[in-house]
């Protein structure tokens, strides 16, 4: 799971600020213009913003039209983007979700998105990130414009070198200078074969939830282990999707260790409530594995 300029906690944290970027990097053949970006987005920057850093994080660069919004975990709005062209890399679908403040873009307008996968089973849907301080709008005349002020909707050229401030010029630079990456493979949304689900999990247990510390769409929970069917459950600060849990609820849980973190094995069938219509099938199976 990616943890760079945007963390799980920062998905819901907004605060008015002005961020000043000094973006000249002698290693880049293409140089970002200096922008005093004005917005209400709280960005957490761990490194200087350059074209190289953007491409290092991105698995795909696409031309896409903003066609609507959807809610992640029923709470956090994400943009629905209809892809018109892949400049770099590939995506699984022609329409993708991009987590980005709605104030930064306009509905039915076309942008160049630098898509970084954010792949966590805590969220119902796989989605992408686009750096909030590099919003590139595509004009009808093939010109590229970078958002400067989200409130006034003012723009300026994104690159110092004029020849790259068109879609044609940007595409040529990427094709000639950026090495391709292998396609990104998201974690499974669901594993219907219960034996495979158990094999893919490092921990399988039945728990009751004693306390919920709600952090918006994601919660940290305290729990009591009722029974363990695989591994040992001693996970502190267990993160679970808020809309799928309740105080004193009882659940079968499938967990997998990913990059040092304990996460649900799949998005949709790794947290099974006693009220779930398939609970009997799951509890019968895991009890039979002991």
C-alpha atoms as a PDB file:
ATOM      1  CA  UNK A   1       0.000   0.000   0.000  1.00  0.00           C
ATOM      2  CA  UNK A   2       1.345   3.417  -0.962  1.00  0.00           C
ATOM      3  CA  UNK A   3       2.196   5.858   1.819  1.00  0.00           C
ATOM      4  CA  UNK A   4       3.838   8.960   0.366  1.00  0.00           C
ATOM      5  CA  UNK A   5       2.334  12.445   0.248  1.00  0.00           C
ATOM      6  CA  UNK A   6      -1.096  11.124   1.218  1.00  0.00           C
ATOM      7  CA  UNK A   7      -1.811   8.818   4.157  1.00  0.00           C
ATOM      8  CA  UNK A   8      -5.043   7.200   5.295  1.00  0.00           C
ATOM      9  CA  UNK A   9      -5.497   9.822   7.995  1.00  0.00           C
ATOM     10  CA  UNK A  10      -4.829  12.721   5.630  1.00  0.00           C
ATOM     11  CA  UNK A  11      -7.615  11.664   3.248  1.00  0.00           C
ATOM     12  CA  UNK A  12     -10.065  13.602   5.388  1.00  0.00           C
ATOM     13  CA  UNK A  13      -7.845  16.391   6.700  1.00  0.00           C
ATOM     14  CA  UNK A  14      -8.453  19.781   5.100  1.00  0.00           C
ATOM     15  CA  UNK A  15      -6.922  23.076   6.129  1.00  0.00           C
ATOM     16  CA  UNK A  16      -6.461  26.413   4.358  1.00  0.00           C
ATOM     17  CA  UNK A  17      -2.864  27.041   3.391  1.00  0.00           C
ATOM     18  CA  UNK A  18      -0.515  28.252   0.702  1.00  0.00           C
ATOM     19  CA  UNK A  19       2.222  25.872  -0.385  1.00  0.00           C
ATOM     20  CA  UNK A  20       5.237  27.265  -2.182  1.00  0.00           C
ATOM     21  CA  UNK A  21       7.207  24.913  -4.416  1.00  0.00           C
ATOM     22  CA  UNK A  22      10.727  25.450  -5.698  1.00  0.00           C
ATOM     23  CA  UNK A  23      10.851  22.859  -8.404  1.00  0.00           C
ATOM     24  CA  UNK A  24      14.002  23.346 -10.439  1.00  0.00           C
ATOM     25  CA  UNK A  25      15.942  20.098 -10.699  1.00  0.00           C
ATOM     26  CA  UNK A  26      19.060  19.991 -12.857  1.00  0.00           C
ATOM     27  CA  UNK A  27      18.642  16.245 -13.440  1.00  0.00           C
ATOM     28  CA  UNK A  28      15.368  16.810 -15.288  1.00  0.00           C
ATOM     29  CA  UNK A  29      15.380  17.761 -18.952  1.00  0.00           C
ATOM     30  CA  UNK A  30      11.897  19.118 -18.332  1.00  0.00           C
ATOM     31  CA  UNK A  31      11.426  21.717 -15.599  1.00  0.00           C
ATOM     32  CA  UNK A  32       8.254  22.590 -13.719  1.00  0.00           C
ATOM     33  CA  UNK A  33       7.425  26.271 -13.375  1.00  0.00           C
ATOM     34  CA  UNK A  34       7.396  27.738  -9.880  1.00  0.00           C
ATOM     35  CA  UNK A  35       3.857  27.950  -8.539  1.00  0.00           C
ATOM     36  CA  UNK A  36       2.485  29.498  -5.352  1.00  0.00           C
ATOM     37  CA  UNK A  37      -0.397  27.038  -5.204  1.00  0.00           C
ATOM     38  CA  UNK A  38      -3.502  28.291  -3.375  1.00  0.00           C
ATOM     39  CA  UNK A  39      -6.097  25.742  -2.231  1.00  0.00           C
ATOM     40  CA  UNK A  40      -7.722  24.254   0.869  1.00  0.00           C
ATOM     41  CA  UNK A  41      -5.934  20.928   0.441  1.00  0.00           C
ATOM     42  CA  UNK A  42      -3.484  19.837   3.105  1.00  0.00           C
ATOM     43  CA  UNK A  43      -0.627  18.259   1.152  1.00  0.00           C
ATOM     44  CA  UNK A  44       2.093  16.321   2.954  1.00  0.00           C
ATOM     45  CA  UNK A  45       5.273  16.581   0.913  1.00  0.00           C
ATOM     46  CA  UNK A  46       8.186  14.304   1.655  1.00  0.00           C
ATOM     47  CA  UNK A  47      10.292  15.350  -1.308  1.00  0.00           C
ATOM     48  CA  UNK A  48      10.726  18.119  -3.836  1.00  0.00           C
ATOM     49  CA  UNK A  49       8.100  18.118  -6.559  1.00  0.00           C
ATOM     50  CA  UNK A  50       9.759  17.535  -9.931  1.00  0.00           C
ATOM     51  CA  UNK A  51       8.716  15.837 -13.125  1.00  0.00           C
ATOM     52  CA  UNK A  52      10.993  12.925 -12.214  1.00  0.00           C
ATOM     53  CA  UNK A  53       9.289  12.490  -8.834  1.00  0.00           C
ATOM     54  CA  UNK A  54       5.857  12.602 -10.489  1.00  0.00           C
ATOM     55  CA  UNK A  55       6.837   9.885 -12.942  1.00  0.00           C
ATOM     56  CA  UNK A  56       8.500   7.833 -10.220  1.00  0.00           C
ATOM     57  CA  UNK A  57       5.170   7.608  -8.378  1.00  0.00           C
ATOM     58  CA  UNK A  58       2.873   7.282 -11.393  1.00  0.00           C
ATOM     59  CA  UNK A  59       2.012   3.927 -12.931  1.00  0.00           C
ATOM     60  CA  UNK A  60       0.041   5.590 -15.697  1.00  0.00           C
ATOM     61  CA  UNK A  61      -0.334   8.997 -17.320  1.00  0.00           C
ATOM     62  CA  UNK A  62      -3.665   9.472 -19.068  1.00  0.00           C
ATOM     63  CA  UNK A  63      -5.852  12.042 -20.751  1.00  0.00           C
ATOM     64  CA  UNK A  64      -9.233  11.831 -19.060  1.00  0.00           C
ATOM     65  CA  UNK A  65     -12.525  13.665 -18.685  1.00  0.00           C
ATOM     66  CA  UNK A  66     -14.109  14.202 -15.257  1.00  0.00           C
ATOM     67  CA  UNK A  67     -17.577  12.669 -15.631  1.00  0.00           C
ATOM     68  CA  UNK A  68     -18.841  12.489 -12.045  1.00  0.00           C
ATOM     69  CA  UNK A  69     -18.073  11.560  -8.451  1.00  0.00           C
ATOM     70  CA  UNK A  70     -18.517   8.495  -6.279  1.00  0.00           C
ATOM     71  CA  UNK A  71     -18.117   7.925  -2.542  1.00  0.00           C
ATOM     72  CA  UNK A  72     -15.302   5.794  -1.163  1.00  0.00           C
ATOM     73  CA  UNK A  73     -16.672   3.725   1.738  1.00  0.00           C
ATOM     74  CA  UNK A  74     -19.862   5.743   1.410  1.00  0.00           C
ATOM     75  CA  UNK A  75     -18.135   8.899   2.661  1.00  0.00           C
ATOM     76  CA  UNK A  76     -15.071  10.199   0.803  1.00  0.00           C
ATOM     77  CA  UNK A  77     -15.792  11.682  -2.655  1.00  0.00           C
ATOM     78  CA  UNK A  78     -13.601  10.517  -5.524  1.00  0.00           C
ATOM     79  CA  UNK A  79     -13.674  11.611  -9.148  1.00  0.00           C
ATOM     80  CA  UNK A  80     -14.916   9.322 -11.892  1.00  0.00           C
ATOM     81  CA  UNK A  81     -12.567   9.851 -14.832  1.00  0.00           C
ATOM     82  CA  UNK A  82     -13.326   8.563 -18.326  1.00  0.00           C
ATOM     83  CA  UNK A  83      -9.991   7.824 -19.982  1.00  0.00           C
ATOM     84  CA  UNK A  84      -9.604   9.110 -23.526  1.00  0.00           C
ATOM     85  CA  UNK A  85      -5.952   8.219 -24.092  1.00  0.00           C
ATOM     86  CA  UNK A  86      -3.117   6.411 -22.329  1.00  0.00           C
ATOM     87  CA  UNK A  87       0.105   8.394 -22.659  1.00  0.00           C
ATOM     88  CA  UNK A  88       2.133   6.130 -20.378  1.00  0.00           C
ATOM     89  CA  UNK A  89       1.309   2.814 -18.734  1.00  0.00           C
ATOM     90  CA  UNK A  90      -2.067   1.081 -18.626  1.00  0.00           C
ATOM     91  CA  UNK A  91      -5.190   0.941 -16.460  1.00  0.00           C
ATOM     92  CA  UNK A  92      -7.556  -2.002 -16.000  1.00  0.00           C
ATOM     93  CA  UNK A  93     -10.661   0.007 -16.885  1.00  0.00           C
ATOM     94  CA  UNK A  94     -11.608   2.842 -19.204  1.00  0.00           C
ATOM     95  CA  UNK A  95     -13.204   4.662 -16.254  1.00  0.00           C
ATOM     96  CA  UNK A  96     -11.156   4.997 -13.060  1.00  0.00           C
ATOM     97  CA  UNK A  97     -11.575   6.584  -9.635  1.00  0.00           C
ATOM     98  CA  UNK A  98      -9.179   9.373  -8.654  1.00  0.00           C
ATOM     99  CA  UNK A  99      -9.079  10.711  -5.101  1.00  0.00           C
ATOM    100  CA  UNK A 100      -8.700  14.463  -5.506  1.00  0.00           C
ATOM    101  CA  UNK A 101     -10.500  17.434  -3.978  1.00  0.00           C
ATOM    102  CA  UNK A 102     -13.412  18.452  -6.168  1.00  0.00           C
ATOM    103  CA  UNK A 103     -12.395  22.113  -5.922  1.00  0.00           C
ATOM    104  CA  UNK A 104      -9.248  21.384  -7.930  1.00  0.00           C
ATOM    105  CA  UNK A 105     -11.039  20.266 -11.097  1.00  0.00           C
ATOM    106  CA  UNK A 106     -14.204  21.017 -13.051  1.00  0.00           C
ATOM    107  CA  UNK A 107     -16.839  18.520 -14.139  1.00  0.00           C
ATOM    108  CA  UNK A 108     -16.896  17.667 -17.861  1.00  0.00           C
ATOM    109  CA  UNK A 109     -13.414  19.143 -18.365  1.00  0.00           C
ATOM    110  CA  UNK A 110     -10.394  17.197 -19.635  1.00  0.00           C
ATOM    111  CA  UNK A 111      -7.103  16.838 -17.765  1.00  0.00           C
ATOM    112  CA  UNK A 112      -3.800  15.006 -17.899  1.00  0.00           C
ATOM    113  CA  UNK A 113      -3.709  12.757 -14.825  1.00  0.00           C
ATOM    114  CA  UNK A 114      -0.541  11.296 -13.313  1.00  0.00           C
ATOM    115  CA  UNK A 115      -2.051   8.209 -11.677  1.00  0.00           C
ATOM    116  CA  UNK A 116      -0.499   6.654  -8.584  1.00  0.00           C
ATOM    117  CA  UNK A 117      -2.265   3.489  -7.335  1.00  0.00           C
ATOM    118  CA  UNK A 118      -3.672   3.565  -3.801  1.00  0.00           C
ATOM    119  CA  UNK A 119      -4.477  -0.060  -3.151  1.00  0.00           C
ATOM    120  CA  UNK A 120      -5.899  -0.902   0.255  1.00  0.00           C
ATOM    121  CA  UNK A 121      -8.605  -3.457   1.156  1.00  0.00           C
ATOM    122  CA  UNK A 122      -9.822  -0.990   3.786  1.00  0.00           C
ATOM    123  CA  UNK A 123     -11.585   0.768   0.908  1.00  0.00           C
ATOM    124  CA  UNK A 124     -14.382  -0.821  -1.116  1.00  0.00           C
ATOM    125  CA  UNK A 125     -12.861   0.348  -4.390  1.00  0.00           C
ATOM    126  CA  UNK A 126      -9.410   0.504  -5.916  1.00  0.00           C
ATOM    127  CA  UNK A 127      -8.523   4.103  -6.743  1.00  0.00           C
ATOM    128  CA  UNK A 128      -5.697   6.350  -7.853  1.00  0.00           C
ATOM    129  CA  UNK A 129      -4.071   9.483  -6.502  1.00  0.00           C
ATOM    130  CA  UNK A 130      -2.995  12.513  -8.505  1.00  0.00           C
ATOM    131  CA  UNK A 131      -0.634  14.965  -6.843  1.00  0.00           C
ATOM    132  CA  UNK A 132      -2.897  17.829  -5.647  1.00  0.00           C
ATOM    133  CA  UNK A 133      -0.307  20.463  -6.535  1.00  0.00           C
ATOM    134  CA  UNK A 134       0.077  19.350 -10.149  1.00  0.00           C
ATOM    135  CA  UNK A 135      -3.316  19.678 -11.832  1.00  0.00           C
ATOM    136  CA  UNK A 136      -2.930  19.853 -15.620  1.00  0.00           C
ATOM    137  CA  UNK A 137      -5.890  20.947 -17.725  1.00  0.00           C
ATOM    138  CA  UNK A 138      -6.014  20.182 -21.447  1.00  0.00           C
ATOM    139  CA  UNK A 139      -7.394  22.975 -23.627  1.00  0.00           C
ATOM    140  CA  UNK A 140      -9.077  22.420 -27.001  1.00  0.00           C
ATOM    141  CA  UNK A 141      -6.054  23.915 -28.793  1.00  0.00           C
ATOM    142  CA  UNK A 142      -3.790  21.130 -27.426  1.00  0.00           C
ATOM    143  CA  UNK A 143      -2.298  23.507 -24.832  1.00  0.00           C
ATOM    144  CA  UNK A 144      -1.572  22.371 -21.263  1.00  0.00           C
ATOM    145  CA  UNK A 145      -2.308  24.619 -18.280  1.00  0.00           C
ATOM    146  CA  UNK A 146      -1.373  24.096 -14.628  1.00  0.00           C
ATOM    147  CA  UNK A 147      -3.796  25.120 -11.887  1.00  0.00           C
ATOM    148  CA  UNK A 148      -2.444  28.042  -9.871  1.00  0.00           C
ATOM    149  CA  UNK A 149      -5.417  29.160  -7.756  1.00  0.00           C
ATOM    150  CA  UNK A 150      -8.199  26.677  -7.002  1.00  0.00           C
ATOM    151  CA  UNK A 151     -10.608  29.391  -5.846  1.00  0.00           C
ATOM    152  CA  UNK A 152     -10.129  31.821  -8.721  1.00  0.00           C
ATOM    153  CA  UNK A 153      -9.534  28.997 -11.232  1.00  0.00           C
ATOM    154  CA  UNK A 154      -6.437  30.662 -12.637  1.00  0.00           C
ATOM    155  CA  UNK A 155      -3.803  28.739 -14.570  1.00  0.00           C
ATOM    156  CA  UNK A 156      -0.331  29.118 -16.009  1.00  0.00           C
ATOM    157  CA  UNK A 157       1.988  27.080 -18.192  1.00  0.00           C
ATOM    158  CA  UNK A 158       3.237  23.952 -16.363  1.00  0.00           C
ATOM    159  CA  UNK A 159       6.766  23.806 -17.803  1.00  0.00           C
ATOM    160  CA  UNK A 160       9.598  26.280 -18.255  1.00  0.00           C
ATOM    161  CA  UNK A 161      10.387  24.823 -21.687  1.00  0.00           C
ATOM    162  CA  UNK A 162       7.626  26.083 -23.995  1.00  0.00           C
ATOM    163  CA  UNK A 163       7.796  23.072 -26.330  1.00  0.00           C
ATOM    164  CA  UNK A 164       6.475  20.798 -23.563  1.00  0.00           C
ATOM    165  CA  UNK A 165       3.392  22.899 -22.813  1.00  0.00           C
ATOM    166  CA  UNK A 166       1.340  21.062 -25.426  1.00  0.00           C
ATOM    167  CA  UNK A 167      -0.042  17.549 -25.241  1.00  0.00           C
ATOM    168  CA  UNK A 168       2.022  16.609 -28.292  1.00  0.00           C
ATOM    169  CA  UNK A 169       5.235  17.897 -26.715  1.00  0.00           C
ATOM    170  CA  UNK A 170       4.588  16.199 -23.368  1.00  0.00           C
ATOM    171  CA  UNK A 171       3.790  12.871 -25.038  1.00  0.00           C
ATOM    172  CA  UNK A 172       6.970  13.039 -27.088  1.00  0.00           C
ATOM    173  CA  UNK A 173       9.093  13.761 -24.009  1.00  0.00           C
ATOM    174  CA  UNK A 174       7.584  10.878 -22.031  1.00  0.00           C
ATOM    175  CA  UNK A 175       7.924   8.397 -24.896  1.00  0.00           C
ATOM    176  CA  UNK A 176      11.567   9.348 -25.477  1.00  0.00           C
ATOM    177  CA  UNK A 177      12.760   9.664 -21.871  1.00  0.00           C
ATOM    178  CA  UNK A 178      10.641   7.593 -19.455  1.00  0.00           C
ATOM    179  CA  UNK A 179      11.095   3.842 -19.200  1.00  0.00           C
ATOM    180  CA  UNK A 180       7.860   1.810 -19.075  1.00  0.00           C
ATOM    181  CA  UNK A 181       6.756   0.085 -15.875  1.00  0.00           C
ATOM    182  CA  UNK A 182       5.017  -3.291 -15.609  1.00  0.00           C
ATOM    183  CA  UNK A 183       1.211  -3.063 -15.311  1.00  0.00           C
ATOM    184  CA  UNK A 184      -0.058  -2.638 -11.759  1.00  0.00           C
ATOM    185  CA  UNK A 185      -2.070  -5.597 -10.451  1.00  0.00           C
ATOM    186  CA  UNK A 186      -4.593  -4.607  -7.728  1.00  0.00           C
ATOM    187  CA  UNK A 187      -5.261  -6.826  -4.730  1.00  0.00           C
ATOM    188  CA  UNK A 188      -8.272  -9.130  -5.216  1.00  0.00           C
ATOM    189  CA  UNK A 189     -11.678  -7.668  -4.441  1.00  0.00           C
ATOM    190  CA  UNK A 190     -12.944 -11.081  -3.417  1.00  0.00           C
ATOM    191  CA  UNK A 191     -11.749 -14.694  -3.212  1.00  0.00           C
ATOM    192  CA  UNK A 192     -14.800 -16.932  -3.437  1.00  0.00           C
ATOM    193  CA  UNK A 193     -12.943 -20.192  -2.853  1.00  0.00           C
ATOM    194  CA  UNK A 194     -12.750 -20.386   0.955  1.00  0.00           C
ATOM    195  CA  UNK A 195      -9.725 -22.685   0.930  1.00  0.00           C
ATOM    196  CA  UNK A 196      -7.860 -20.227  -1.286  1.00  0.00           C
ATOM    197  CA  UNK A 197      -8.957 -17.328   0.935  1.00  0.00           C
ATOM    198  CA  UNK A 198      -7.612 -19.124   3.997  1.00  0.00           C
ATOM    199  CA  UNK A 199      -4.366 -20.052   2.217  1.00  0.00           C
ATOM    200  CA  UNK A 200      -3.841 -16.415   1.182  1.00  0.00           C
ATOM    201  CA  UNK A 201      -4.387 -15.198   4.761  1.00  0.00           C
ATOM    202  CA  UNK A 202      -1.767 -15.155   7.519  1.00  0.00           C
ATOM    203  CA  UNK A 203      -4.355 -14.838  10.296  1.00  0.00           C
ATOM    204  CA  UNK A 204      -7.924 -16.144  10.493  1.00  0.00           C
ATOM    205  CA  UNK A 205      -9.857 -15.500  13.698  1.00  0.00           C
ATOM    206  CA  UNK A 206     -13.229 -14.686  15.207  1.00  0.00           C
ATOM    207  CA  UNK A 207     -13.415 -11.452  17.193  1.00  0.00           C
ATOM    208  CA  UNK A 208     -15.771  -9.072  18.946  1.00  0.00           C
ATOM    209  CA  UNK A 209     -15.176  -5.339  18.623  1.00  0.00           C
ATOM    210  CA  UNK A 210     -14.927  -3.654  22.016  1.00  0.00           C
ATOM    211  CA  UNK A 211     -14.109  -0.074  21.035  1.00  0.00           C
ATOM    212  CA  UNK A 212     -14.154   1.958  17.832  1.00  0.00           C
ATOM    213  CA  UNK A 213     -12.041   5.068  17.302  1.00  0.00           C
ATOM    214  CA  UNK A 214     -13.678   6.515  14.227  1.00  0.00           C
ATOM    215  CA  UNK A 215     -11.384   8.406  11.851  1.00  0.00           C
ATOM    216  CA  UNK A 216     -13.934   8.958   9.117  1.00  0.00           C
ATOM    217  CA  UNK A 217     -14.133   6.187   6.553  1.00  0.00           C
ATOM    218  CA  UNK A 218     -11.539   4.116   8.461  1.00  0.00           C
ATOM    219  CA  UNK A 219     -11.539   3.198  12.163  1.00  0.00           C
ATOM    220  CA  UNK A 220      -8.998   1.891  14.665  1.00  0.00           C
ATOM    221  CA  UNK A 221     -10.550  -0.838  16.817  1.00  0.00           C
ATOM    222  CA  UNK A 222      -9.919  -2.613  20.104  1.00  0.00           C
ATOM    223  CA  UNK A 223     -11.092  -6.207  20.011  1.00  0.00           C
ATOM    224  CA  UNK A 224     -11.310  -9.496  21.876  1.00  0.00           C
ATOM    225  CA  UNK A 225     -10.245 -12.723  20.179  1.00  0.00           C
ATOM    226  CA  UNK A 226     -12.906 -15.412  20.601  1.00  0.00           C
ATOM    227  CA  UNK A 227     -11.219 -18.108  18.533  1.00  0.00           C
ATOM    228  CA  UNK A 228      -8.151 -18.418  16.318  1.00  0.00           C
ATOM    229  CA  UNK A 229      -8.174 -20.646  13.243  1.00  0.00           C
ATOM    230  CA  UNK A 230      -4.824 -19.690  11.705  1.00  0.00           C
ATOM    231  CA  UNK A 231      -1.839 -17.737  13.025  1.00  0.00           C
ATOM    232  CA  UNK A 232      -1.952 -15.555  16.146  1.00  0.00           C
ATOM    233  CA  UNK A 233      -3.884 -12.305  16.309  1.00  0.00           C
ATOM    234  CA  UNK A 234      -1.911  -9.728  18.318  1.00  0.00           C
ATOM    235  CA  UNK A 235      -2.325  -6.720  16.040  1.00  0.00           C
ATOM    236  CA  UNK A 236      -2.273  -3.277  17.634  1.00  0.00           C
ATOM    237  CA  UNK A 237      -4.133  -0.408  15.958  1.00  0.00           C
ATOM    238  CA  UNK A 238      -6.148  -2.710  13.736  1.00  0.00           C
ATOM    239  CA  UNK A 239      -7.660  -0.669  10.886  1.00  0.00           C
ATOM    240  CA  UNK A 240     -11.104  -1.603   9.574  1.00  0.00           C
ATOM    241  CA  UNK A 241     -13.628   0.120   7.286  1.00  0.00           C
ATOM    242  CA  UNK A 242     -15.998   2.163   9.464  1.00  0.00           C
ATOM    243  CA  UNK A 243     -19.154   1.359   7.505  1.00  0.00           C
ATOM    244  CA  UNK A 244     -18.684  -2.409   7.949  1.00  0.00           C
ATOM    245  CA  UNK A 245     -18.342  -2.581  11.738  1.00  0.00           C
ATOM    246  CA  UNK A 246     -20.303  -1.765  14.882  1.00  0.00           C
ATOM    247  CA  UNK A 247     -19.669  -1.769  18.622  1.00  0.00           C
ATOM    248  CA  UNK A 248     -19.907  -5.277  20.159  1.00  0.00           C
ATOM    249  CA  UNK A 249     -20.241  -6.801  16.694  1.00  0.00           C
ATOM    250  CA  UNK A 250     -18.862 -10.302  16.144  1.00  0.00           C
ATOM    251  CA  UNK A 251     -16.850 -11.090  13.006  1.00  0.00           C
ATOM    252  CA  UNK A 252     -14.727 -13.681  11.261  1.00  0.00           C
ATOM    253  CA  UNK A 253     -11.644 -11.837  10.035  1.00  0.00           C
ATOM    254  CA  UNK A 254      -9.029 -12.763   7.418  1.00  0.00           C
ATOM    255  CA  UNK A 255      -5.779 -10.776   7.615  1.00  0.00           C
ATOM    256  CA  UNK A 256      -2.616 -10.639   5.548  1.00  0.00           C
ATOM    257  CA  UNK A 257       0.674  -8.883   6.271  1.00  0.00           C
ATOM    258  CA  UNK A 258       1.563  -6.401   3.547  1.00  0.00           C
ATOM    259  CA  UNK A 259       4.671  -4.225   3.720  1.00  0.00           C
ATOM    260  CA  UNK A 260       4.746  -4.512   7.516  1.00  0.00           C
ATOM    261  CA  UNK A 261       1.030  -3.754   7.979  1.00  0.00           C
ATOM    262  CA  UNK A 262      -1.812  -6.101   8.835  1.00  0.00           C
ATOM    263  CA  UNK A 263      -4.666  -5.624   6.383  1.00  0.00           C
ATOM    264  CA  UNK A 264      -7.778  -7.472   5.294  1.00  0.00           C
ATOM    265  CA  UNK A 265      -6.906 -10.131   2.710  1.00  0.00           C
ATOM    266  CA  UNK A 266      -9.579  -8.933   0.249  1.00  0.00           C
ATOM    267  CA  UNK A 267     -11.884  -5.936  -0.048  1.00  0.00           C
ATOM    268  CA  UNK A 268     -15.255  -7.636   0.168  1.00  0.00           C
ATOM    269  CA  UNK A 269     -15.162 -10.996   1.937  1.00  0.00           C
ATOM    270  CA  UNK A 270     -12.504 -10.811   4.646  1.00  0.00           C
ATOM    271  CA  UNK A 271     -14.731  -9.382   7.393  1.00  0.00           C
ATOM    272  CA  UNK A 272     -17.799 -11.556   7.881  1.00  0.00           C
ATOM    273  CA  UNK A 273     -20.440 -10.485  10.410  1.00  0.00           C
ATOM    274  CA  UNK A 274     -22.673 -12.940  12.267  1.00  0.00           C
ATOM    275  CA  UNK A 275     -25.515 -11.140  10.477  1.00  0.00           C
ATOM    276  CA  UNK A 276     -24.030 -11.891   7.057  1.00  0.00           C
ATOM    277  CA  UNK A 277     -26.099 -14.328   5.003  1.00  0.00           C
ATOM    278  CA  UNK A 278     -22.937 -16.366   4.309  1.00  0.00           C
ATOM    279  CA  UNK A 279     -21.731 -16.442   7.924  1.00  0.00           C
ATOM    280  CA  UNK A 280     -22.727 -20.087   8.458  1.00  0.00           C
ATOM    281  CA  UNK A 281     -20.724 -21.207   5.403  1.00  0.00           C
ATOM    282  CA  UNK A 282     -17.628 -19.329   6.600  1.00  0.00           C
ATOM    283  CA  UNK A 283     -17.777 -20.413  10.251  1.00  0.00           C
ATOM    284  CA  UNK A 284     -18.402 -24.038   9.273  1.00  0.00           C
ATOM    285  CA  UNK A 285     -15.405 -23.991   6.951  1.00  0.00           C
ATOM    286  CA  UNK A 286     -12.894 -22.328   9.309  1.00  0.00           C
ATOM    287  CA  UNK A 287     -13.944 -24.517  12.241  1.00  0.00           C
ATOM    288  CA  UNK A 288     -13.314 -27.547  10.053  1.00  0.00           C
ATOM    289  CA  UNK A 289      -9.708 -26.390   9.474  1.00  0.00           C
ATOM    290  CA  UNK A 290      -8.668 -26.626  13.133  1.00  0.00           C
END
